[in-house]
Amino acid sequence: MNTHLDRLWRLTDMLFLTGLAVALFLGSKVTPLLVIAGVLPIPFLLKTLKNRHYHVSIWSLLIPFGLYFGYCLLALFFFTGLEASDPRPVNPSLESYAIAIAMLVVGLVRGLQIRNLALLFQRVMPWLLIACFLVLSYMMFAGIRDACRVRGLAPWPFIPALLFSTLTFICLVGWEKLTGSERWLRVTLMAFSIVISTTYTGSRGVALAQVGVFGVFLILGFLPSLKSRIPSWYHLGLAAGAGLLVSFFIGVITDCGPASRFSSTFETVQTMASQLTATEEQTAVNAIPAPETGEALATTPSAPEAEVETSQAATVTKDEAISHRLAMWQTSITAIKESPIFGHGSLYLQKLIHATYGYEHNHNQYLTWLVTGGVIQLTLGLIFLAIPWFISNGLSTADRLILTIGVSLFWGLAMMFDAFLNLKFYTHYFCLLSGILYALSNSMQDKGSR
């Protein structure tokens, strides 16, 4: 009887990790699987938590989490930034924060209940990601996509790109102890992550975040203390080259290559650079003293500030997504200057952005934090984002860096272009992942985990 129960619980362990992976194309539709494999087994496996030694203090997880969500809840009730007559937006909400807290609890408790989590994760997750890539590939070639962007049942195409890369980077933890075949499997996953971000989903912000992570790994790989403990320049270069090459051929076959979305990005950068140069030259001309005859240099009257912001965004790029972002960022910066320390209130962003641009957020997490909570919320948000560093205490320096760079830095760079932690799905997933990573860190420090 016990043998059958052990097999049942082992099956739920596998299904729980499967839910973590397939969420990248199922989105919130993965909830029933997480309930069955994540929530239901908890009361039956509570005995596994007794007399267990924890290598990492639970406070390393609860303190940054509690500081961030404690402030969010206080601001939600006592500092909304809305007038009595203003409509109350649906996001953020008490329900969203309650689910986020519940997701952390599920990820934490269920992760700690999984026997040999580190070993199971290292063996199973890479193959789950391979399976997910095959599913996304089928959707791409079968035309199950929005124009050239694959998202499956997820609400946004950023989800497959962000989650696949995040789980891939987590699989790099323990690089020093991996066998040759295990390393090459992870190199393949890194190449696939590039294909997904550049070609399958066209997620430019995620792709730029990947470039940043690869760059940091590349630099750290030259340090003698980290050599052979993190992916080398050879592995990174091969993954990047293979990913871009596959993306090129997929683009030729489907007419949905990286050029379809990234060309406008490069054009925007060139335009901004040329405008910046022109502005500097104009500033230098305006600095020339007026002629002694008293004749003033001719200048063009300035337009109203709001019109200037809109026209600047429109002239920089023809890409609607980029122009909207630039305009929203300019509007947000103006609001930040008015109240930089405490911000304008937890619900003020929708009032500021939605009425004018029609979006829930301003597509930049840092500007979002500054608008709603000022420097205070920005600081607490960065502490919350750094949870992988806090909970990896006790691991080797290389593994701590891989985990922090692959999760915190990766999400941090991607959130320069989207306010993920102001959207329900991303927030809930990050909370679930934080609990699992705490359990994973403890499991890796158990004797015989590898």
Protein backbone atom coordinates (compact mmCIF):
# COMPACT_ATOMS: atom_id res chain seq x y z
CA MET A 1 0.00 0.00 0.00
CA ASN A 2 2.78 2.40 0.93
CA THR A 3 4.52 1.60 -2.34
CA HIS A 4 1.44 2.61 -4.34
CA LEU A 5 1.08 5.82 -2.32
CA ASP A 6 4.75 6.64 -2.86
CA ARG A 7 4.27 6.23 -6.59
CA LEU A 8 1.19 8.44 -6.47
CA TRP A 9 3.03 11.20 -4.64
CA ARG A 10 5.97 10.85 -7.01
CA LEU A 11 3.56 11.28 -9.90
CA THR A 12 2.17 14.46 -8.36
CA ASP A 13 5.75 15.72 -7.95
CA MET A 14 6.32 15.22 -11.66
CA LEU A 15 3.01 16.86 -12.54
CA PHE A 16 3.83 19.86 -10.35
CA LEU A 17 7.12 20.46 -12.19
CA THR A 18 5.30 19.84 -15.46
CA GLY A 19 2.82 22.58 -14.56
CA LEU A 20 5.71 24.94 -13.89
CA ALA A 21 6.95 24.36 -17.44
CA VAL A 22 3.76 24.13 -19.51
CA ALA A 23 2.53 27.39 -17.98
CA LEU A 24 4.68 29.06 -20.62
CA PHE A 25 2.10 28.24 -23.32
CA LEU A 26 -0.98 27.51 -21.17
CA GLY A 27 -0.82 30.68 -19.11
CA SER A 28 -3.41 30.75 -16.33
CA LYS A 29 -5.08 27.68 -17.89
CA VAL A 30 -2.45 25.64 -16.03
CA THR A 31 -4.23 26.41 -12.73
CA PRO A 32 -6.21 23.12 -12.55
CA LEU A 33 -2.99 21.12 -12.92
CA LEU A 34 -1.28 23.15 -10.20
CA VAL A 35 -4.27 22.64 -7.92
CA ILE A 36 -4.25 18.88 -8.44
CA ALA A 37 -0.49 18.40 -8.24
CA GLY A 38 0.39 21.34 -6.03
CA VAL A 39 -2.39 22.06 -3.56
CA LEU A 40 -4.22 18.78 -2.98
CA PRO A 41 -1.16 16.71 -1.91
CA ILE A 42 -0.02 19.27 0.70
CA PRO A 43 -2.10 18.08 3.69
CA PHE A 44 -1.22 14.43 3.00
CA LEU A 45 2.52 15.13 2.87
CA LEU A 46 2.89 17.49 5.82
CA LYS A 47 4.70 14.74 7.73
CA THR A 48 7.62 15.08 5.31
CA LEU A 49 8.31 18.55 6.72
CA LYS A 50 8.81 17.27 10.28
CA ASN A 51 12.33 16.99 11.65
CA ARG A 52 13.75 18.40 8.43
CA HIS A 53 16.93 20.45 8.52
CA TYR A 54 16.75 23.73 6.62
CA HIS A 55 20.04 25.05 5.31
CA VAL A 56 18.62 28.47 4.43
CA SER A 57 16.68 30.59 6.89
CA ILE A 58 13.03 30.95 5.92
CA TRP A 59 13.32 34.65 6.75
CA SER A 60 15.56 35.14 3.72
CA LEU A 61 12.40 34.53 1.70
CA LEU A 62 9.69 35.94 3.95
CA ILE A 63 11.34 39.28 4.80
CA PRO A 64 11.78 40.62 1.22
CA PHE A 65 8.42 39.14 0.24
CA GLY A 66 6.69 40.59 3.29
CA LEU A 67 8.24 44.04 2.90
CA TYR A 68 7.11 44.34 -0.70
CA PHE A 69 3.60 42.98 -0.38
CA GLY A 70 3.10 44.58 3.02
CA TYR A 71 3.73 47.98 1.46
CA CYS A 72 1.54 47.12 -1.55
CA LEU A 73 -1.37 46.18 0.71
CA LEU A 74 -1.00 49.29 2.88
CA ALA A 75 -0.91 51.50 -0.19
CA LEU A 76 -3.90 49.69 -1.69
CA PHE A 77 -6.04 50.57 1.32
CA PHE A 78 -4.64 53.91 2.49
CA PHE A 79 -2.80 55.52 -0.44
CA THR A 80 -4.64 54.94 -3.71
CA GLY A 81 -4.04 58.34 -5.31
CA LEU A 82 -7.64 58.47 -6.54
CA GLU A 83 -10.30 61.05 -5.94
CA ALA A 84 -13.68 59.96 -4.59
CA SER A 85 -15.23 60.41 -8.03
CA ASP A 86 -12.51 58.46 -9.90
CA PRO A 87 -13.39 54.92 -11.10
CA ARG A 88 -11.45 52.22 -9.30
CA PRO A 89 -9.34 50.06 -11.66
CA VAL A 90 -9.41 46.26 -11.41
CA ASN A 91 -5.64 45.91 -11.12
CA PRO A 92 -3.99 45.86 -8.63
CA SER A 93 -6.54 44.40 -6.26
CA LEU A 94 -6.80 42.61 -2.94
CA GLU A 95 -7.70 39.41 -4.77
CA SER A 96 -4.53 39.60 -6.88
CA TYR A 97 -2.32 40.10 -3.82
CA ALA A 98 -4.07 37.27 -1.94
CA ILE A 99 -3.44 34.90 -4.85
CA ALA A 100 0.21 36.00 -4.96
CA ILE A 101 0.64 35.14 -1.28
CA ALA A 102 -1.10 31.81 -1.82
CA MET A 103 1.18 31.01 -4.75
CA LEU A 104 4.24 31.63 -2.61
CA VAL A 105 2.89 29.27 0.06
CA VAL A 106 2.11 26.56 -2.52
CA GLY A 107 5.53 26.87 -4.17
CA LEU A 108 7.30 26.85 -0.80
CA VAL A 109 5.46 24.00 0.93
CA ARG A 110 5.03 21.82 -2.13
CA GLY A 111 8.66 22.35 -3.13
CA LEU A 112 9.88 21.32 0.31
CA GLN A 113 7.70 18.20 0.14
CA ILE A 114 9.29 16.95 -3.08
CA ARG A 115 11.91 14.35 -2.25
CA ASN A 116 15.31 15.12 -3.86
CA LEU A 117 13.89 18.19 -5.60
CA ALA A 118 17.29 19.29 -6.93
CA LEU A 119 17.98 15.95 -8.58
CA LEU A 120 14.46 15.69 -9.99
CA PHE A 121 14.60 19.25 -11.34
CA GLN A 122 17.98 18.72 -13.01
CA ARG A 123 16.85 15.51 -14.68
CA VAL A 124 13.27 16.37 -15.65
CA MET A 125 13.04 20.11 -16.33
CA PRO A 126 15.37 20.21 -19.37
CA TRP A 127 13.30 17.54 -21.12
CA LEU A 128 10.07 19.29 -20.20
CA LEU A 129 11.44 22.41 -21.85
CA ILE A 130 12.38 20.41 -24.95
CA ALA A 131 8.79 19.18 -25.10
CA CYS A 132 7.49 22.75 -24.69
CA PHE A 133 9.74 23.91 -27.52
CA LEU A 134 8.32 21.21 -29.77
CA VAL A 135 4.78 22.34 -28.91
CA LEU A 136 5.63 25.96 -29.72
CA SER A 137 7.32 24.82 -32.95
CA TYR A 138 4.17 22.98 -33.99
CA MET A 139 2.10 26.09 -33.31
CA MET A 140 4.53 28.19 -35.34
CA PHE A 141 4.55 25.99 -38.44
CA ALA A 142 0.86 25.07 -38.18
CA GLY A 143 -0.09 28.74 -38.15
CA ILE A 144 -1.57 28.64 -34.64
CA ARG A 145 -0.37 32.12 -33.83
CA ASP A 146 -1.28 35.80 -33.86
CA ALA A 147 0.28 36.97 -37.12
CA CYS A 148 3.91 35.96 -36.47
CA ARG A 149 3.70 35.61 -32.67
CA VAL A 150 3.09 32.31 -30.89
CA ARG A 151 1.46 32.42 -27.48
CA GLY A 152 -0.65 29.27 -27.23
CA LEU A 153 -3.32 29.76 -24.58
CA ALA A 154 -1.25 32.36 -22.75
CA PRO A 155 -2.66 35.90 -22.87
CA TRP A 156 0.58 37.48 -24.16
CA PRO A 157 3.44 36.21 -26.35
CA PHE A 158 5.94 37.51 -23.78
CA ILE A 159 4.98 34.65 -21.45
CA PRO A 160 6.52 31.78 -23.48
CA ALA A 161 9.70 33.80 -24.05
CA LEU A 162 10.14 34.96 -20.45
CA LEU A 163 9.29 31.67 -18.74
CA PHE A 164 11.24 29.41 -21.11
CA SER A 165 14.40 31.48 -20.68
CA THR A 166 13.94 31.73 -16.90
CA LEU A 167 13.64 27.96 -16.47
CA THR A 168 16.54 27.41 -18.86
CA PHE A 169 18.82 29.66 -16.79
CA ILE A 170 17.76 27.88 -13.59
CA CYS A 171 18.78 24.59 -15.24
CA LEU A 172 22.33 25.99 -15.47
CA VAL A 173 22.68 25.92 -11.67
CA GLY A 174 25.18 23.24 -10.68
CA TRP A 175 27.04 23.63 -13.98
CA GLU A 176 30.32 22.49 -12.45
CA LYS A 177 28.86 19.08 -11.55
CA LEU A 178 27.04 18.46 -14.81
CA THR A 179 28.24 15.80 -17.20
CA GLY A 180 29.21 16.65 -20.77
CA SER A 181 25.88 15.50 -22.21
CA GLU A 182 23.95 17.44 -19.56
CA ARG A 183 25.87 20.60 -20.43
CA TRP A 184 25.19 20.25 -24.14
CA LEU A 185 21.51 19.69 -23.42
CA ARG A 186 21.46 23.03 -21.62
CA VAL A 187 23.37 24.71 -24.45
CA THR A 188 20.60 23.45 -26.75
CA LEU A 189 17.99 24.95 -24.42
CA MET A 190 19.76 28.33 -24.50
CA ALA A 191 19.72 28.21 -28.31
CA PHE A 192 16.01 27.34 -28.25
CA SER A 193 15.33 30.23 -25.87
CA ILE A 194 16.78 32.60 -28.46
CA VAL A 195 14.58 31.11 -31.17
CA ILE A 196 11.51 31.54 -28.98
CA SER A 197 12.21 35.16 -28.03
CA THR A 198 13.36 36.41 -31.44
CA THR A 199 11.24 34.37 -33.85
CA TYR A 200 8.36 32.48 -32.22
CA THR A 201 7.16 35.35 -30.04
CA GLY A 202 9.01 38.42 -31.30
CA SER A 203 9.58 39.55 -27.71
CA ARG A 204 12.11 42.31 -28.13
CA GLY A 205 12.39 43.21 -24.45
CA VAL A 206 13.02 39.58 -23.47
CA ALA A 207 15.56 39.20 -26.28
CA LEU A 208 17.48 42.25 -25.09
CA ALA A 209 17.41 40.85 -21.54
CA GLN A 210 18.89 37.62 -22.91
CA VAL A 211 21.69 39.61 -24.50
CA GLY A 212 22.39 41.20 -21.13
CA VAL A 213 22.46 37.85 -19.29
CA PHE A 214 24.69 36.25 -21.92
CA GLY A 215 27.00 39.25 -21.72
CA VAL A 216 27.32 39.04 -17.94
CA PHE A 217 27.98 35.29 -18.10
CA LEU A 218 30.58 35.93 -20.79
CA ILE A 219 32.45 38.45 -18.64
CA LEU A 220 32.27 36.35 -15.48
CA GLY A 221 33.50 33.31 -17.40
CA PHE A 222 36.92 34.89 -17.76
CA LEU A 223 37.39 35.15 -13.99
CA PRO A 224 39.74 32.39 -12.76
CA SER A 225 37.54 31.65 -9.74
CA LEU A 226 34.50 30.99 -11.95
CA LYS A 227 36.15 29.24 -14.85
CA SER A 228 34.45 25.91 -15.63
CA ARG A 229 31.81 26.70 -12.97
CA ILE A 230 29.57 28.68 -15.30
CA PRO A 231 28.99 28.35 -19.06
CA SER A 232 32.12 29.35 -20.96
CA TRP A 233 32.35 31.77 -23.87
CA TYR A 234 32.40 28.74 -26.16
CA HIS A 235 29.09 27.40 -24.86
CA LEU A 236 27.47 30.84 -24.89
CA GLY A 237 28.74 31.65 -28.37
CA LEU A 238 27.61 28.33 -29.76
CA ALA A 239 24.15 28.71 -28.20
CA ALA A 240 23.77 32.24 -29.55
CA GLY A 241 25.06 31.33 -32.99
CA ALA A 242 22.89 28.23 -33.28
CA GLY A 243 19.82 30.09 -32.02
CA LEU A 244 20.23 32.92 -34.52
CA LEU A 245 20.93 30.50 -37.36
CA VAL A 246 17.82 28.45 -36.64
CA SER A 247 15.82 31.68 -36.33
CA PHE A 248 17.04 32.77 -39.76
CA PHE A 249 15.96 29.54 -41.43
CA ILE A 250 12.59 29.57 -39.67
CA GLY A 251 12.13 33.13 -40.88
CA VAL A 252 12.85 32.06 -44.45
CA ILE A 253 10.38 29.17 -44.24
CA THR A 254 7.54 30.99 -42.46
CA ASP A 255 8.27 34.61 -43.44
CA CYS A 256 8.17 35.38 -39.70
CA GLY A 257 11.83 35.86 -38.87
CA PRO A 258 13.39 38.28 -36.37
CA ALA A 259 13.59 40.99 -39.04
CA SER A 260 9.81 41.35 -39.00
CA ARG A 261 9.92 43.02 -35.56
CA PHE A 262 13.52 43.85 -34.76
CA SER A 263 14.20 46.00 -37.83
CA SER A 264 11.99 48.78 -36.45
CA THR A 265 13.89 48.59 -33.16
CA PHE A 266 17.21 49.24 -34.87
CA GLU A 267 15.67 52.03 -36.93
CA THR A 268 14.35 53.64 -33.74
CA VAL A 269 17.79 53.51 -32.10
CA GLN A 270 19.36 55.12 -35.18
CA THR A 271 16.72 57.85 -35.27
CA MET A 272 17.13 58.60 -31.56
CA ALA A 273 20.91 58.75 -31.96
CA SER A 274 20.64 61.15 -34.90
CA GLN A 275 18.13 63.33 -33.03
CA LEU A 276 20.41 63.40 -30.00
CA THR A 277 23.31 64.53 -32.15
CA ALA A 278 21.14 67.20 -33.74
CA THR A 279 20.00 68.39 -30.30
CA GLU A 280 23.61 68.70 -29.10
CA GLU A 281 24.54 70.68 -32.22
CA GLN A 282 21.52 72.97 -31.75
CA THR A 283 22.48 73.50 -28.10
CA ALA A 284 25.97 74.50 -29.16
CA VAL A 285 24.54 76.98 -31.69
CA ASN A 286 22.18 78.49 -29.10
CA ALA A 287 25.11 78.96 -26.74
CA ILE A 288 26.82 81.36 -29.16
CA PRO A 289 26.55 84.96 -27.84
CA ALA A 290 24.20 87.28 -29.69
CA PRO A 291 25.78 89.80 -32.11
CA GLU A 292 26.86 93.12 -30.64
CA THR A 293 24.33 94.92 -32.85
CA GLY A 294 21.64 93.64 -30.44
CA GLU A 295 19.96 91.41 -33.02
CA ALA A 296 18.75 88.19 -31.38
CA LEU A 297 19.22 84.84 -33.04
CA ALA A 298 15.99 83.52 -34.50
CA THR A 299 14.40 80.74 -32.47
CA THR A 300 11.31 78.66 -32.96
CA PRO A 301 8.60 79.08 -30.33
CA SER A 302 8.23 75.99 -28.14
CA ALA A 303 5.02 73.96 -28.31
CA PRO A 304 3.04 72.95 -25.22
CA GLU A 305 4.78 70.21 -23.25
CA ALA A 306 2.15 67.52 -23.84
CA GLU A 307 2.18 68.09 -27.58
CA VAL A 308 5.98 67.98 -27.62
CA GLU A 309 6.01 64.59 -25.88
CA THR A 310 3.53 63.12 -28.35
CA SER A 311 5.22 64.55 -31.41
CA GLN A 312 8.67 63.41 -30.26
CA ALA A 313 7.49 59.84 -29.79
CA ALA A 314 5.83 59.88 -33.19
CA THR A 315 8.85 61.27 -35.04
CA VAL A 316 11.32 58.85 -33.44
CA THR A 317 9.67 55.72 -34.84
CA LYS A 318 6.83 54.47 -36.99
CA ASP A 319 6.51 51.39 -34.77
CA GLU A 320 3.30 51.92 -32.80
CA ALA A 321 4.39 49.76 -29.84
CA ILE A 322 7.65 51.67 -29.43
CA SER A 323 6.10 55.10 -29.94
CA HIS A 324 3.45 54.37 -27.30
CA ARG A 325 6.12 53.26 -24.84
CA LEU A 326 8.20 56.39 -25.40
CA ALA A 327 5.17 58.62 -24.91
CA MET A 328 4.08 56.78 -21.74
CA TRP A 329 7.60 56.94 -20.32
CA GLN A 330 7.73 60.68 -20.90
CA THR A 331 4.37 61.11 -19.18
CA SER A 332 5.51 58.94 -16.27
CA ILE A 333 8.77 60.84 -15.81
CA THR A 334 6.84 64.09 -15.64
CA ALA A 335 4.61 62.62 -12.90
CA ILE A 336 7.62 61.23 -11.01
CA LYS A 337 9.21 64.67 -10.81
CA GLU A 338 6.12 65.92 -8.99
CA SER A 339 6.41 63.34 -6.17
CA PRO A 340 9.68 61.39 -6.32
CA ILE A 341 9.78 60.05 -2.73
CA PHE A 342 6.30 58.70 -2.05
CA GLY A 343 4.79 58.66 -5.53
CA HIS A 344 1.15 59.37 -6.31
CA GLY A 345 -0.60 56.28 -4.94
CA SER A 346 -1.10 52.61 -5.70
CA LEU A 347 -3.91 53.11 -8.25
CA TYR A 348 -2.75 56.38 -9.76
CA LEU A 349 -0.91 54.78 -12.69
CA GLN A 350 -4.10 53.61 -14.40
CA LYS A 351 -5.52 57.10 -14.01
CA LEU A 352 -2.37 58.54 -15.55
CA ILE A 353 -1.88 56.04 -18.38
CA HIS A 354 -5.18 54.32 -19.16
CA ALA A 355 -7.18 57.46 -19.84
CA THR A 356 -4.67 58.68 -22.43
CA TYR A 357 -3.09 55.56 -23.90
CA GLY A 358 -5.51 52.75 -23.06
CA TYR A 359 -2.95 50.53 -21.30
CA GLU A 360 -3.03 49.15 -17.75
CA HIS A 361 0.59 50.14 -17.13
CA ASN A 362 3.39 52.17 -18.67
CA HIS A 363 5.51 49.22 -19.88
CA ASN A 364 8.41 49.93 -17.54
CA GLN A 365 8.40 48.37 -14.07
CA TYR A 366 10.79 50.90 -12.57
CA LEU A 367 8.83 53.90 -13.78
CA THR A 368 5.68 52.14 -12.53
CA TRP A 369 7.13 51.77 -9.03
CA LEU A 370 8.30 55.38 -9.03
CA VAL A 371 4.92 56.73 -10.18
CA THR A 372 2.88 54.76 -7.65
CA GLY A 373 5.21 54.56 -4.65
CA GLY A 374 8.21 56.71 -5.40
CA VAL A 375 11.73 55.80 -4.31
CA ILE A 376 10.29 53.82 -1.37
CA GLN A 377 8.42 51.31 -3.54
CA LEU A 378 11.28 51.17 -6.04
CA THR A 379 13.63 50.11 -3.25
CA LEU A 380 11.22 47.50 -1.90
CA GLY A 381 10.57 46.24 -5.42
CA LEU A 382 14.28 45.74 -6.07
CA ILE A 383 14.60 43.86 -2.76
CA PHE A 384 11.69 41.63 -3.79
CA LEU A 385 13.28 41.03 -7.19
CA ALA A 386 16.54 39.99 -5.48
CA ILE A 387 14.90 37.07 -3.62
CA PRO A 388 16.94 34.47 -5.60
CA TRP A 389 20.13 35.95 -4.16
CA PHE A 390 18.86 35.88 -0.58
CA ILE A 391 17.51 32.34 -0.68
CA SER A 392 20.61 30.88 -2.36
CA ASN A 393 22.75 31.55 0.70
CA GLY A 394 24.96 28.52 1.32
CA LEU A 395 25.35 27.59 -2.34
CA SER A 396 28.65 28.09 -4.14
CA THR A 397 29.35 31.59 -5.44
CA ALA A 398 28.98 30.35 -9.01
CA ASP A 399 25.56 28.82 -8.37
CA ARG A 400 24.35 31.92 -6.51
CA LEU A 401 25.43 34.08 -9.42
CA ILE A 402 23.77 31.82 -12.00
CA LEU A 403 20.51 31.80 -10.07
CA THR A 404 20.51 35.55 -9.44
CA ILE A 405 21.59 36.52 -12.95
CA GLY A 406 19.27 34.00 -14.60
CA VAL A 407 16.21 35.11 -12.63
CA SER A 408 16.64 38.50 -10.95
CA LEU A 409 18.81 40.19 -13.57
CA PHE A 410 16.95 38.59 -16.46
CA TRP A 411 13.54 39.71 -15.19
CA GLY A 412 15.03 43.05 -14.17
CA LEU A 413 16.31 43.77 -17.68
CA ALA A 414 13.10 42.56 -19.34
CA MET A 415 11.06 44.82 -17.04
CA MET A 416 12.70 47.86 -18.56
CA PHE A 417 10.20 47.37 -21.38
CA ASP A 418 7.21 45.86 -19.53
CA ALA A 419 5.79 46.18 -16.01
CA PHE A 420 5.49 42.42 -15.43
CA LEU A 421 5.03 42.71 -11.67
CA ASN A 422 1.98 44.91 -12.23
CA LEU A 423 0.26 42.12 -14.15
CA LYS A 424 -1.41 39.24 -12.35
CA PHE A 425 0.03 36.23 -14.19
CA TYR A 426 3.68 37.32 -13.99
CA THR A 427 3.40 38.33 -10.34
CA HIS A 428 1.75 35.05 -9.36
CA TYR A 429 4.28 33.00 -11.31
CA PHE A 430 7.24 34.83 -9.78
CA CYS A 431 5.83 34.21 -6.30
CA LEU A 432 5.32 30.50 -7.05
CA LEU A 433 8.83 30.31 -8.47
CA SER A 434 10.33 32.06 -5.44
CA GLY A 435 8.91 29.42 -3.11
CA ILE A 436 10.20 26.61 -5.33
CA LEU A 437 13.65 28.20 -5.57
CA TYR A 438 13.87 28.34 -1.77
CA ALA A 439 13.12 24.61 -1.64
CA LEU A 440 15.55 23.98 -4.51
CA SER A 441 18.34 25.81 -2.69
CA ASN A 442 17.77 23.70 0.43
CA SER A 443 17.63 20.51 -1.63
CA MET A 444 20.92 21.28 -3.37
CA GLN A 445 22.62 21.60 0.00
CA ASP A 446 21.36 18.24 1.27
CA LYS A 447 24.00 15.54 1.33
CA GLY A 448 23.80 13.25 -1.64
CA SER A 449 21.64 15.65 -3.66
CA ARG A 450 23.92 15.05 -6.64
